[in-house]
Amino acid sequence: MTTHVFETPRVAVSELLTTLEGSGLRLASQQADRTVALTSPTLFDCLVPFAGRRHGVLLAIGVHPEAPDSADVVRGAAGRGFDAIVIKSLSLSVETLAAVADAAGIALLVVDDEVEWRQLESVLNSALTTAAEPPGSLTGLAVGDLFALANAIAALVGGATAIEDLQTRILAYSTLPAQPIDETRRDGILGRQVPDDPDNANAYASVYRSEGALRLPALAPGLPRMAVAIRAGTQPLGSIWVVDERGRLDDDAAQALEQAADIAALHLLRARSAADLVRQQRTVLLRRLLDDGEDARLVAGQLELDTTGPYAVVAFHPQLGASGEELGLSRLFDLISMQCEAYQHGAECAVIGATIYALFSGPSASDLTGLHGTAQRIVERAEGGLRASVRAAIGSRMAQVTQISRSRRDADLVLLLQTTHTPTSVVASAHDLRSRLTLLELAQVFRDTPRFMAPQAERMLESDARSGTDYAKTVRTYLDCSRDSAVTAARLSVHQNTLRYRLKRTHDLFAVDLENADDTLALWLSLRVAEFD
């Protein structure tokens, strides 16, 4: 089978900075010709070392430009594969650090001190996501296309323009000089999110109900707006908002804005398709990794996984209603992906059948408490937000990349125990259920090799099935209770004399000899694994 190499799409640093003009971001090093991977930025944590190969932009929160160890942070980021690192100058010189970045082969970017890291992350993430397109696509969106469209609309219609998604996140905005803006627009651009306002809900509802461009009066202290919904057929994708300083935008402006909405719809659909295709490519690779270890090292390299391990797979199995099952699984996948990414940057997720799998590596995979807590949060949020009942199973921790498929298999076995045998917690791990997993696998061995089954056990089980007796359950419980007659009788809710009579009958009817240690072990195992049929 041919394995196709997955390449992350990239953009030049200079082009990215042109797109984000006005965001407070500038280049301090001499690496303008470097390219940056179109992935979400990573947050720097001085207490947690990087795991595995990385790429994209590192937001170096808390890194002082003149601290002695800052140069090590820059070199470490370059060594791990990051393309660019962002710091705050704190009104100090960054020349020394810029020289270190040039020598290490990484772009050093500086953001204005007053810009919040949260805002910068949102700005970068929006610009990079908007530009994402798989390599070789003939319909690719270059970075700046959506921003260029915003500028074109602003020039054509005659007002500062913003393009938003359905969550009122600002995807792009115009940067033409001399066009008036208000505080609402300024705050929205900085945070890449429309500020909350009690009147927003009514305004957006009006825009999405309208068949064309809609004029909206000024809401103090802002300026009037003209807005139009972006749709693909009848499906809303977002909206375009133009500042109408004097409330004089005419019908020609409205018509131009409606035509621009059709173009914006193509951009948003292409960006969505690009993101879906990228995710689909990574999902195919992850499925191969979860299925077997034959070419695991090659696939892991394409996914840029940490090759030093360890690894752990967590399986999530939902109980969804028949109606809207596909939509429900898609929404659940998005929820799981987001929560797993929050726990470990770069966590990979894939859907196989009706089960969603998440792969963790490095310290995150070793932290069973952290994995359990993450899985528990996902289960709770799926129940609360999606009304979906979900069980989570944490597979065994594996040291080698070739063993990832075994961790997935153990997670599947835990799910099987959760759904078909004695009820367990909605979140369970192979570590906690290792004894029962051993019995479950032994049951398969006994099925494959019938001679392993003790003949006394077979005869008891057949007799119980035929006559409705409980000889097998009595012997199994007696052995489970270490041959304690009082405990066994209590567990079976019978008198001890009744228990003794039943045990004597098993000896008479089935030749059960509980004084023979080897026969007793074989009998007990046969009865225990029979529970898993």
Protein backbone atom coordinates (compact mmCIF):
# COMPACT_ATOMS: atom_id res chain seq x y z
CA MET A 1 0.00 0.00 0.00
CA THR A 2 1.39 3.42 -0.96
CA THR A 3 1.63 5.95 1.85
CA HIS A 4 1.17 9.55 0.74
CA VAL A 5 3.17 12.13 2.65
CA PHE A 6 1.03 14.78 4.30
CA GLU A 7 2.56 18.26 4.06
CA THR A 8 1.31 21.13 6.17
CA PRO A 9 0.50 24.21 4.02
CA ARG A 10 2.64 27.27 4.69
CA VAL A 11 2.79 31.04 4.16
CA ALA A 12 5.64 33.55 4.07
CA VAL A 13 6.22 35.58 7.23
CA SER A 14 6.20 38.79 5.20
CA GLU A 15 2.83 37.92 3.69
CA LEU A 16 1.40 37.06 7.09
CA LEU A 17 2.53 40.41 8.50
CA THR A 18 0.99 42.24 5.55
CA THR A 19 -2.28 40.49 6.25
CA LEU A 20 -2.14 41.40 9.93
CA GLU A 21 -1.18 45.02 9.40
CA GLY A 22 -2.43 47.06 12.33
CA SER A 23 -2.44 44.13 14.76
CA GLY A 24 0.66 45.35 16.61
CA LEU A 25 2.88 42.56 15.25
CA ARG A 26 6.25 43.24 13.60
CA LEU A 27 9.36 41.35 12.50
CA ALA A 28 12.48 41.85 14.59
CA SER A 29 14.82 39.32 12.94
CA GLN A 30 15.99 39.00 9.34
CA GLN A 31 13.83 36.00 8.50
CA ALA A 32 11.11 37.67 6.40
CA ASP A 33 11.54 35.02 3.68
CA ARG A 34 10.83 32.18 6.10
CA THR A 35 7.52 30.38 5.84
CA VAL A 36 5.11 29.56 8.64
CA ALA A 37 2.93 26.46 8.86
CA LEU A 38 -0.79 27.23 8.68
CA THR A 39 -1.61 25.80 12.09
CA SER A 40 -2.94 27.29 15.30
CA PRO A 41 -0.29 29.05 17.41
CA THR A 42 1.20 27.24 20.41
CA LEU A 43 1.39 28.77 23.89
CA PHE A 44 4.76 28.60 25.65
CA ASP A 45 4.84 27.05 29.12
CA CYS A 46 8.19 27.33 30.91
CA LEU A 47 7.19 24.51 33.31
CA VAL A 48 6.30 21.90 30.68
CA PRO A 49 8.91 20.86 28.08
CA PHE A 50 7.92 20.50 24.45
CA ALA A 51 7.09 16.98 23.31
CA GLY A 52 7.80 15.87 19.76
CA ARG A 53 8.30 17.80 16.56
CA ARG A 54 6.38 21.08 16.30
CA HIS A 55 5.79 23.76 13.69
CA GLY A 56 3.96 27.05 13.31
CA VAL A 57 4.13 30.02 15.68
CA LEU A 58 5.13 29.88 19.35
CA LEU A 59 3.71 32.61 21.60
CA ALA A 60 6.50 33.06 24.15
CA ILE A 61 4.38 34.24 27.07
CA GLY A 62 6.48 35.46 29.98
CA VAL A 63 9.80 35.40 28.10
CA HIS A 64 11.82 38.50 29.02
CA PRO A 65 13.81 39.86 26.05
CA GLU A 66 16.94 40.44 28.12
CA ALA A 67 16.79 37.44 30.47
CA PRO A 68 19.77 35.04 30.22
CA ASP A 69 17.60 32.00 29.50
CA SER A 70 15.53 33.68 26.77
CA ALA A 71 18.11 32.77 24.14
CA ASP A 72 17.73 29.11 25.15
CA VAL A 73 13.97 29.39 24.66
CA VAL A 74 14.48 30.73 21.13
CA ARG A 75 17.04 28.03 20.27
CA GLY A 76 14.82 25.36 21.80
CA ALA A 77 11.85 26.51 19.74
CA ALA A 78 13.93 26.39 16.57
CA GLY A 79 15.27 22.97 17.49
CA ARG A 80 11.75 21.63 17.95
CA GLY A 81 10.73 22.86 14.50
CA PHE A 82 8.80 26.05 15.23
CA ASP A 83 8.87 28.53 12.34
CA ALA A 84 8.43 31.74 14.34
CA ILE A 85 8.42 32.89 17.95
CA VAL A 86 6.58 35.94 19.30
CA ILE A 87 7.69 37.96 22.33
CA LYS A 88 6.91 41.32 23.92
CA SER A 89 9.78 43.82 24.01
CA LEU A 90 8.66 45.39 27.31
CA SER A 91 10.14 48.63 25.90
CA LEU A 92 13.58 47.00 25.82
CA SER A 93 15.98 46.17 23.01
CA VAL A 94 15.46 42.84 21.23
CA GLU A 95 18.52 43.05 18.96
CA THR A 96 20.48 40.39 20.84
CA LEU A 97 17.56 37.97 20.80
CA ALA A 98 16.94 38.73 17.11
CA ALA A 99 20.53 37.75 16.34
CA VAL A 100 20.04 34.48 18.23
CA ALA A 101 16.89 33.82 16.20
CA ASP A 102 18.70 34.47 12.91
CA ALA A 103 21.48 32.09 13.89
CA ALA A 104 18.98 29.41 14.92
CA GLY A 105 16.91 29.78 11.76
CA ILE A 106 13.65 30.99 13.28
CA ALA A 107 11.72 34.24 12.77
CA LEU A 108 11.49 36.51 15.82
CA LEU A 109 8.30 38.58 15.95
CA VAL A 110 7.52 41.29 18.48
CA VAL A 111 3.99 42.31 19.49
CA ASP A 112 3.08 45.62 21.11
CA ASP A 113 3.14 45.42 24.90
CA GLU A 114 -0.46 46.57 25.26
CA VAL A 115 -1.84 43.74 23.07
CA GLU A 116 -3.16 40.87 25.19
CA TRP A 117 -1.82 37.42 24.41
CA ARG A 118 -5.36 36.13 24.15
CA GLN A 119 -6.13 38.73 21.51
CA LEU A 120 -2.96 37.96 19.57
CA GLU A 121 -3.67 34.24 19.61
CA SER A 122 -7.16 34.91 18.23
CA VAL A 123 -5.80 37.21 15.50
CA LEU A 124 -3.15 34.73 14.39
CA ASN A 125 -5.46 31.75 14.58
CA SER A 126 -8.11 33.46 12.47
CA ALA A 127 -5.65 34.61 9.80
CA LEU A 128 -3.88 31.26 9.59
CA THR A 129 -7.10 29.25 9.59
CA THR A 130 -8.64 31.44 6.91
CA ALA A 131 -5.59 30.85 4.74
CA ALA A 132 -5.43 27.09 5.27
CA GLU A 133 -5.56 25.09 2.04
CA PRO A 134 -4.09 21.67 1.25
CA PRO A 135 -1.05 21.66 -1.05
CA GLY A 136 -1.70 21.34 -4.77
CA SER A 137 -5.23 22.72 -4.63
CA LEU A 138 -6.28 24.73 -7.66
CA THR A 139 -8.84 26.63 -5.61
CA GLY A 140 -6.52 27.56 -2.74
CA LEU A 141 -6.96 30.73 -0.77
CA ALA A 142 -3.77 32.71 -0.40
CA VAL A 143 -3.29 34.45 2.91
CA GLY A 144 -4.94 37.84 2.64
CA ASP A 145 -7.69 36.84 0.20
CA LEU A 146 -10.42 37.29 2.79
CA PHE A 147 -8.71 40.44 4.04
CA ALA A 148 -8.30 41.60 0.44
CA LEU A 149 -12.01 41.01 -0.09
CA ALA A 150 -12.78 43.13 2.97
CA ASN A 151 -10.63 45.94 1.53
CA ALA A 152 -12.33 45.60 -1.85
CA ILE A 153 -15.77 45.84 -0.25
CA ALA A 154 -14.69 48.85 1.80
CA ALA A 155 -13.46 50.62 -1.34
CA LEU A 156 -16.53 49.71 -3.39
CA VAL A 157 -19.22 50.37 -0.80
CA GLY A 158 -17.50 53.25 0.96
CA GLY A 159 -17.11 52.16 4.59
CA ALA A 160 -14.85 50.19 6.92
CA THR A 161 -15.76 46.51 6.52
CA ALA A 162 -15.65 43.42 8.72
CA ILE A 163 -16.40 39.81 7.74
CA GLU A 164 -17.71 37.59 10.53
CA ASP A 165 -18.63 33.94 11.06
CA LEU A 166 -21.76 32.64 12.74
CA GLN A 167 -20.14 32.91 16.18
CA THR A 168 -19.54 36.66 15.56
CA ARG A 169 -15.80 36.05 15.31
CA ILE A 170 -14.17 38.58 13.00
CA LEU A 171 -12.49 36.60 10.21
CA ALA A 172 -11.15 39.62 8.29
CA TYR A 173 -11.39 43.39 8.27
CA SER A 174 -10.52 46.24 5.93
CA THR A 175 -7.43 48.38 6.48
CA LEU A 176 -8.07 51.29 4.08
CA PRO A 177 -6.92 54.63 5.48
CA ALA A 178 -9.25 57.56 6.23
CA GLN A 179 -12.37 55.44 6.72
CA PRO A 180 -14.06 56.28 10.05
CA ILE A 181 -14.48 53.54 12.62
CA ASP A 182 -15.96 53.44 16.12
CA GLU A 183 -15.05 51.86 19.44
CA THR A 184 -17.11 48.73 18.72
CA ARG A 185 -15.11 48.00 15.58
CA ARG A 186 -11.82 48.80 17.30
CA ASP A 187 -12.55 46.42 20.18
CA GLY A 188 -13.77 43.75 17.79
CA ILE A 189 -10.58 43.85 15.72
CA LEU A 190 -8.35 43.65 18.79
CA GLY A 191 -10.22 40.68 20.22
CA ARG A 192 -11.33 39.22 16.86
CA GLN A 193 -14.75 38.93 18.46
CA VAL A 194 -17.72 41.30 18.31
CA PRO A 195 -18.14 42.82 21.80
CA ASP A 196 -21.16 41.63 23.74
CA ASP A 197 -24.12 44.00 23.64
CA PRO A 198 -27.74 43.47 24.72
CA ASP A 199 -28.98 44.65 21.31
CA ASN A 200 -26.71 42.35 19.28
CA ALA A 201 -29.09 39.40 19.21
CA ASN A 202 -31.90 41.42 17.63
CA ALA A 203 -29.55 43.03 15.12
CA TYR A 204 -28.10 39.70 13.96
CA ALA A 205 -31.54 38.10 13.84
CA SER A 206 -32.72 40.90 11.57
CA VAL A 207 -29.72 40.49 9.27
CA TYR A 208 -30.20 36.74 8.92
CA ARG A 209 -33.94 37.15 8.30
CA SER A 210 -33.38 39.74 5.61
CA GLU A 211 -33.11 38.59 2.00
CA GLY A 212 -30.67 41.36 1.14
CA ALA A 213 -28.54 44.10 2.66
CA LEU A 214 -30.03 45.77 5.72
CA ARG A 215 -29.47 49.25 7.16
CA LEU A 216 -29.10 49.34 10.94
CA PRO A 217 -29.30 52.51 13.04
CA ALA A 218 -26.46 53.59 15.27
CA LEU A 219 -26.24 52.09 18.74
CA ALA A 220 -24.58 54.53 21.10
CA PRO A 221 -21.71 55.21 21.08
CA GLY A 222 -21.25 53.53 17.68
CA LEU A 223 -21.95 54.45 14.10
CA PRO A 224 -24.72 53.16 11.78
CA ARG A 225 -24.08 49.98 9.81
CA MET A 226 -25.12 48.25 6.62
CA ALA A 227 -25.01 44.48 6.91
CA VAL A 228 -25.76 41.41 4.81
CA ALA A 229 -25.88 37.70 5.57
CA ILE A 230 -23.40 35.37 3.84
CA ARG A 231 -25.22 32.27 2.64
CA ALA A 232 -24.60 29.10 0.67
CA GLY A 233 -28.08 28.50 -0.68
CA THR A 234 -30.26 28.78 2.41
CA GLN A 235 -27.45 27.88 4.83
CA PRO A 236 -26.02 30.89 6.69
CA LEU A 237 -22.22 31.05 6.89
CA GLY A 238 -21.62 34.47 8.42
CA SER A 239 -22.19 38.15 7.75
CA ILE A 240 -20.56 41.32 6.40
CA TRP A 241 -20.78 44.64 8.24
CA VAL A 242 -19.93 48.04 6.77
CA VAL A 243 -19.65 51.23 8.82
CA ASP A 244 -22.09 53.82 7.41
CA GLU A 245 -20.70 57.01 8.99
CA ARG A 246 -23.50 59.38 7.95
CA GLY A 247 -26.19 56.84 7.13
CA ARG A 248 -25.92 57.69 3.45
CA LEU A 249 -25.05 54.33 1.85
CA ASP A 250 -27.50 54.02 -1.07
CA ASP A 251 -29.15 51.21 -2.99
CA ASP A 252 -26.08 50.81 -5.22
CA ALA A 253 -24.00 50.21 -2.08
CA ALA A 254 -26.55 47.66 -0.90
CA GLN A 255 -26.44 45.85 -4.24
CA ALA A 256 -22.64 45.83 -4.21
CA LEU A 257 -22.66 44.42 -0.67
CA GLU A 258 -25.07 41.65 -1.69
CA GLN A 259 -22.80 40.67 -4.58
CA ALA A 260 -19.82 40.70 -2.25
CA ALA A 261 -21.67 38.33 0.07
CA ASP A 262 -21.85 35.76 -2.74
CA ILE A 263 -18.09 36.00 -3.22
CA ALA A 264 -17.48 35.77 0.51
CA ALA A 265 -19.58 32.61 0.60
CA LEU A 266 -17.20 30.97 -1.89
CA HIS A 267 -14.22 31.98 0.26
CA LEU A 268 -15.78 30.61 3.43
CA LEU A 269 -16.84 27.39 1.74
CA ARG A 270 -13.36 26.90 0.30
CA ALA A 271 -11.76 27.56 3.67
CA ARG A 272 -14.17 25.11 5.28
CA SER A 273 -13.48 22.52 2.59
CA ALA A 274 -9.73 23.03 3.04
CA ALA A 275 -9.98 22.50 6.78
CA ASP A 276 -12.18 19.44 6.25
CA LEU A 277 -9.73 17.98 3.72
CA VAL A 278 -6.74 18.57 6.00
CA ARG A 279 -8.59 16.88 8.85
CA GLN A 280 -9.61 14.03 6.56
CA GLN A 281 -6.00 13.44 5.49
CA ARG A 282 -4.80 13.34 9.09
CA THR A 283 -7.72 11.10 10.06
CA VAL A 284 -6.75 8.55 7.39
CA LEU A 285 -3.21 8.46 8.75
CA LEU A 286 -4.37 8.14 12.34
CA ARG A 287 -6.73 5.30 11.45
CA ARG A 288 -3.83 3.39 9.94
CA LEU A 289 -1.83 3.98 13.10
CA LEU A 290 -4.68 2.71 15.27
CA ASP A 291 -5.39 -0.32 13.09
CA ASP A 292 -1.94 -1.94 13.07
CA GLY A 293 1.73 -1.27 13.63
CA GLU A 294 2.99 -2.48 10.25
CA ASP A 295 4.06 0.96 9.01
CA ALA A 296 3.52 2.80 12.30
CA ARG A 297 6.88 4.58 12.29
CA LEU A 298 6.32 6.01 8.81
CA VAL A 299 2.76 7.12 9.61
CA ALA A 300 3.83 8.61 12.95
CA GLY A 301 6.46 10.63 11.12
CA GLN A 302 3.86 12.05 8.75
CA LEU A 303 1.70 13.02 11.72
CA GLU A 304 4.80 14.52 13.38
CA LEU A 305 4.20 12.55 16.57
CA ASP A 306 6.72 12.48 19.36
CA THR A 307 8.73 9.35 18.55
CA THR A 308 10.00 8.97 22.11
CA GLY A 309 6.56 8.03 23.50
CA PRO A 310 4.84 6.92 25.58
CA TYR A 311 1.41 6.75 23.94
CA ALA A 312 -2.15 6.22 25.11
CA VAL A 313 -5.43 5.95 23.19
CA VAL A 314 -8.73 7.08 24.69
CA ALA A 315 -11.95 5.83 23.09
CA PHE A 316 -15.29 7.66 23.35
CA HIS A 317 -18.45 5.77 22.48
CA PRO A 318 -21.70 7.78 22.36
CA GLN A 319 -25.29 6.63 22.58
CA LEU A 320 -27.01 8.82 20.00
CA GLY A 321 -30.60 8.80 18.88
CA ALA A 322 -31.41 7.42 15.47
CA SER A 323 -32.47 10.84 14.19
CA GLY A 324 -29.60 13.19 13.46
CA GLU A 325 -27.02 10.58 14.46
CA GLU A 326 -24.46 11.73 11.90
CA LEU A 327 -24.81 15.37 12.94
CA GLY A 328 -24.60 14.40 16.61
CA LEU A 329 -21.40 12.42 16.02
CA SER A 330 -19.89 15.33 14.11
CA ARG A 331 -20.68 17.79 16.91
CA LEU A 332 -19.33 15.36 19.48
CA PHE A 333 -16.14 14.95 17.46
CA ASP A 334 -15.64 18.73 17.48
CA LEU A 335 -16.18 18.83 21.25
CA ILE A 336 -13.72 15.97 21.87
CA SER A 337 -11.11 17.44 19.52
CA MET A 338 -11.27 20.81 21.25
CA GLN A 339 -11.02 19.35 24.76
CA CYS A 340 -8.17 17.00 23.81
CA GLU A 341 -6.28 19.85 22.15
CA ALA A 342 -6.69 21.86 25.34
CA TYR A 343 -5.18 18.99 27.34
CA GLN A 344 -2.32 18.34 24.90
CA HIS A 345 -1.40 20.50 21.96
CA GLY A 346 -1.31 18.33 18.87
CA ALA A 347 -3.55 15.53 20.20
CA GLU A 348 -4.97 13.62 17.23
CA CYS A 349 -8.59 12.45 16.94
CA ALA A 350 -10.38 10.17 14.48
CA VAL A 351 -13.77 8.52 14.05
CA ILE A 352 -13.87 4.78 13.34
CA GLY A 353 -17.38 3.43 13.10
CA ALA A 354 -19.37 4.97 15.93
CA THR A 355 -16.34 5.44 18.20
CA ILE A 356 -14.14 8.52 18.45
CA TYR A 357 -10.49 7.87 19.33
CA ALA A 358 -7.97 10.36 20.72
CA LEU A 359 -4.22 9.70 20.68
CA PHE A 360 -1.98 11.29 23.31
CA SER A 361 1.79 11.16 23.58
CA GLY A 362 4.62 12.14 25.89
CA PRO A 363 3.92 13.33 29.45
CA SER A 364 0.21 13.68 28.69
CA ALA A 365 -0.03 9.96 27.94
CA SER A 366 1.78 9.08 31.18
CA ASP A 367 -0.56 11.13 33.37
CA LEU A 368 -3.46 8.73 34.02
CA THR A 369 -5.08 11.25 36.36
CA GLY A 370 -4.94 13.94 33.67
CA LEU A 371 -6.36 11.60 31.02
CA HIS A 372 -9.15 10.51 33.37
CA GLY A 373 -10.00 14.14 34.20
CA THR A 374 -10.05 15.15 30.53
CA ALA A 375 -12.27 12.20 29.63
CA GLN A 376 -14.60 12.98 32.54
CA ARG A 377 -14.97 16.62 31.41
CA ILE A 378 -15.77 15.49 27.88
CA VAL A 379 -18.42 13.07 29.14
CA GLU A 380 -20.00 15.76 31.32
CA ARG A 381 -19.97 18.43 28.59
CA ALA A 382 -21.38 16.02 26.02
CA GLU A 383 -24.22 15.25 28.42
CA GLY A 384 -24.84 18.90 29.27
CA GLY A 385 -24.32 20.55 25.90
CA LEU A 386 -25.20 17.86 23.36
CA ARG A 387 -27.57 15.70 25.41
CA ALA A 388 -25.41 12.72 24.43
CA SER A 389 -24.57 9.84 26.76
CA VAL A 390 -20.91 8.96 26.29
CA ARG A 391 -18.64 6.28 27.76
CA ALA A 392 -14.88 6.81 27.76
CA ALA A 393 -12.21 4.09 27.86
CA ILE A 394 -8.52 4.78 28.43
CA GLY A 395 -6.21 2.24 26.80
CA SER A 396 -2.95 0.94 28.19
CA ARG A 397 0.09 3.18 28.10
CA MET A 398 2.53 1.96 25.44
CA ALA A 399 6.22 2.78 25.09
CA GLN A 400 6.63 2.24 21.33
CA VAL A 401 4.88 3.82 18.40
CA THR A 402 4.33 0.33 16.97
CA GLN A 403 2.22 -0.50 20.05
CA ILE A 404 -0.35 2.27 19.58
CA SER A 405 -2.75 -0.20 17.98
CA ARG A 406 -2.55 -2.32 21.15
CA SER A 407 -3.52 0.68 23.29
CA ARG A 408 -6.51 1.18 20.98
CA ARG A 409 -7.42 -2.52 21.33
CA ASP A 410 -7.31 -2.29 25.12
CA ALA A 411 -9.54 0.79 24.99
CA ASP A 412 -12.01 -1.18 22.86
CA LEU A 413 -11.96 -4.02 25.37
CA VAL A 414 -12.68 -1.58 28.19
CA LEU A 415 -15.66 -0.27 26.21
CA LEU A 416 -16.84 -3.85 25.78
CA LEU A 417 -16.65 -4.40 29.53
CA GLN A 418 -18.54 -1.17 30.11
CA THR A 419 -21.40 -2.01 27.79
CA THR A 420 -21.85 -5.80 27.99
CA HIS A 421 -20.73 -6.89 31.43
CA THR A 422 -20.94 -5.70 35.02
CA PRO A 423 -21.50 -1.93 34.82
CA THR A 424 -18.44 0.21 35.46
CA SER A 425 -17.91 3.96 35.64
CA VAL A 426 -18.64 5.97 32.49
CA VAL A 427 -14.88 6.63 32.45
CA ALA A 428 -12.71 3.56 32.95
CA SER A 429 -9.12 2.64 32.16
CA ALA A 430 -7.28 -0.50 31.17
CA HIS A 431 -5.02 0.11 34.18
CA ASP A 432 -7.95 -0.12 36.60
CA LEU A 433 -9.58 -3.08 34.83
CA ARG A 434 -6.43 -5.02 33.93
CA SER A 435 -7.56 -8.22 35.73
CA ARG A 436 -10.91 -8.25 33.95
CA LEU A 437 -9.20 -7.50 30.64
CA THR A 438 -6.97 -10.52 31.21
CA LEU A 439 -10.04 -12.70 31.76
CA LEU A 440 -11.71 -11.21 28.70
CA GLU A 441 -8.73 -12.14 26.53
CA LEU A 442 -8.50 -15.55 28.16
CA ALA A 443 -12.13 -16.10 27.18
CA GLN A 444 -11.13 -15.67 23.54
CA VAL A 445 -8.26 -18.13 24.01
CA PHE A 446 -10.65 -20.69 25.51
CA ARG A 447 -13.07 -20.19 22.60
CA ASP A 448 -10.25 -20.69 20.10
CA THR A 449 -8.91 -23.75 21.98
CA PRO A 450 -11.91 -25.73 23.30
CA ARG A 451 -9.69 -28.31 25.01
CA PHE A 452 -8.71 -25.63 27.56
CA MET A 453 -12.26 -25.71 28.95
CA ALA A 454 -12.57 -28.00 31.98
CA PRO A 455 -14.99 -30.85 31.15
CA GLN A 456 -16.67 -30.49 34.56
CA ALA A 457 -17.38 -26.82 33.77
CA GLU A 458 -18.87 -27.72 30.39
CA ARG A 459 -21.18 -30.34 31.92
CA MET A 460 -22.31 -27.97 34.69
CA LEU A 461 -23.04 -25.14 32.28
CA GLU A 462 -24.98 -27.45 29.95
CA SER A 463 -27.00 -28.85 32.86
CA ASP A 464 -27.80 -25.39 34.22
CA ALA A 465 -28.92 -24.23 30.78
CA ARG A 466 -31.08 -27.30 30.30
CA SER A 467 -32.58 -27.62 33.80
CA GLY A 468 -32.45 -24.11 35.20
CA THR A 469 -30.11 -25.09 38.06
CA ASP A 470 -27.29 -22.95 39.51
CA TYR A 471 -24.46 -25.43 39.98
CA ALA A 472 -21.91 -23.41 37.94
CA LYS A 473 -22.76 -20.18 39.74
CA THR A 474 -22.53 -21.92 43.12
CA VAL A 475 -19.06 -23.38 42.49
CA ARG A 476 -17.75 -20.20 40.89
CA THR A 477 -18.97 -18.04 43.79
CA TYR A 478 -17.58 -20.51 46.33
CA LEU A 479 -14.14 -20.30 44.71
CA ASP A 480 -14.43 -16.51 44.30
CA CYS A 481 -15.01 -16.29 48.07
CA SER A 482 -11.89 -18.37 48.83
CA ARG A 483 -14.05 -21.33 49.93
CA ASP A 484 -15.58 -19.38 52.79
CA SER A 485 -18.98 -21.05 53.26
CA ALA A 486 -20.49 -18.21 55.30
CA VAL A 487 -19.51 -15.50 52.81
CA THR A 488 -20.57 -17.63 49.85
CA ALA A 489 -23.98 -18.44 51.37
CA ALA A 490 -24.57 -14.75 52.10
CA ARG A 491 -23.64 -13.74 48.58
CA LEU A 492 -25.93 -16.39 47.09
CA SER A 493 -28.69 -15.64 49.65
CA VAL A 494 -28.96 -19.29 50.69
CA HIS A 495 -28.48 -21.22 53.95
CA GLN A 496 -25.06 -22.77 54.50
CA ASN A 497 -26.66 -26.23 54.56
CA THR A 498 -28.12 -25.55 51.13
CA LEU A 499 -24.68 -24.50 49.93
CA ARG A 500 -23.09 -27.69 51.29
CA TYR A 501 -25.79 -29.81 49.60
CA ARG A 502 -25.19 -28.12 46.23
CA LEU A 503 -21.43 -28.59 46.46
CA LYS A 504 -21.93 -32.30 47.28
CA ARG A 505 -24.25 -32.65 44.28
CA THR A 506 -21.62 -31.12 41.97
CA HIS A 507 -19.19 -33.79 43.17
CA ASP A 508 -21.73 -36.56 42.60
CA LEU A 509 -23.10 -35.34 39.26
CA PHE A 510 -20.04 -33.79 37.57
CA ALA A 511 -17.05 -35.37 39.35
CA VAL A 512 -15.95 -32.00 40.73
CA ASP A 513 -12.99 -32.51 43.08
CA LEU A 514 -12.22 -29.25 44.89
CA GLU A 515 -9.35 -30.90 46.77
CA ASN A 516 -7.29 -31.17 43.58
CA ALA A 517 -5.54 -27.80 43.14
CA ASP A 518 -4.84 -28.13 39.40
CA ASP A 519 -8.36 -29.30 38.58
CA THR A 520 -9.81 -26.54 40.76
CA LEU A 521 -7.75 -23.85 38.99
CA ALA A 522 -8.79 -25.12 35.55
CA LEU A 523 -12.42 -25.34 36.70
CA TRP A 524 -12.46 -21.83 38.18
CA LEU A 525 -10.85 -20.29 35.06
CA SER A 526 -13.32 -22.12 32.81
CA LEU A 527 -16.28 -20.84 34.83
CA ARG A 528 -14.91 -17.29 35.01
CA VAL A 529 -14.20 -16.92 31.31
CA ALA A 530 -17.62 -18.40 30.53
CA GLU A 531 -19.08 -15.16 31.91
CA PHE A 532 -17.58 -13.32 28.96
CA ASP A 533 -19.31 -15.35 26.25
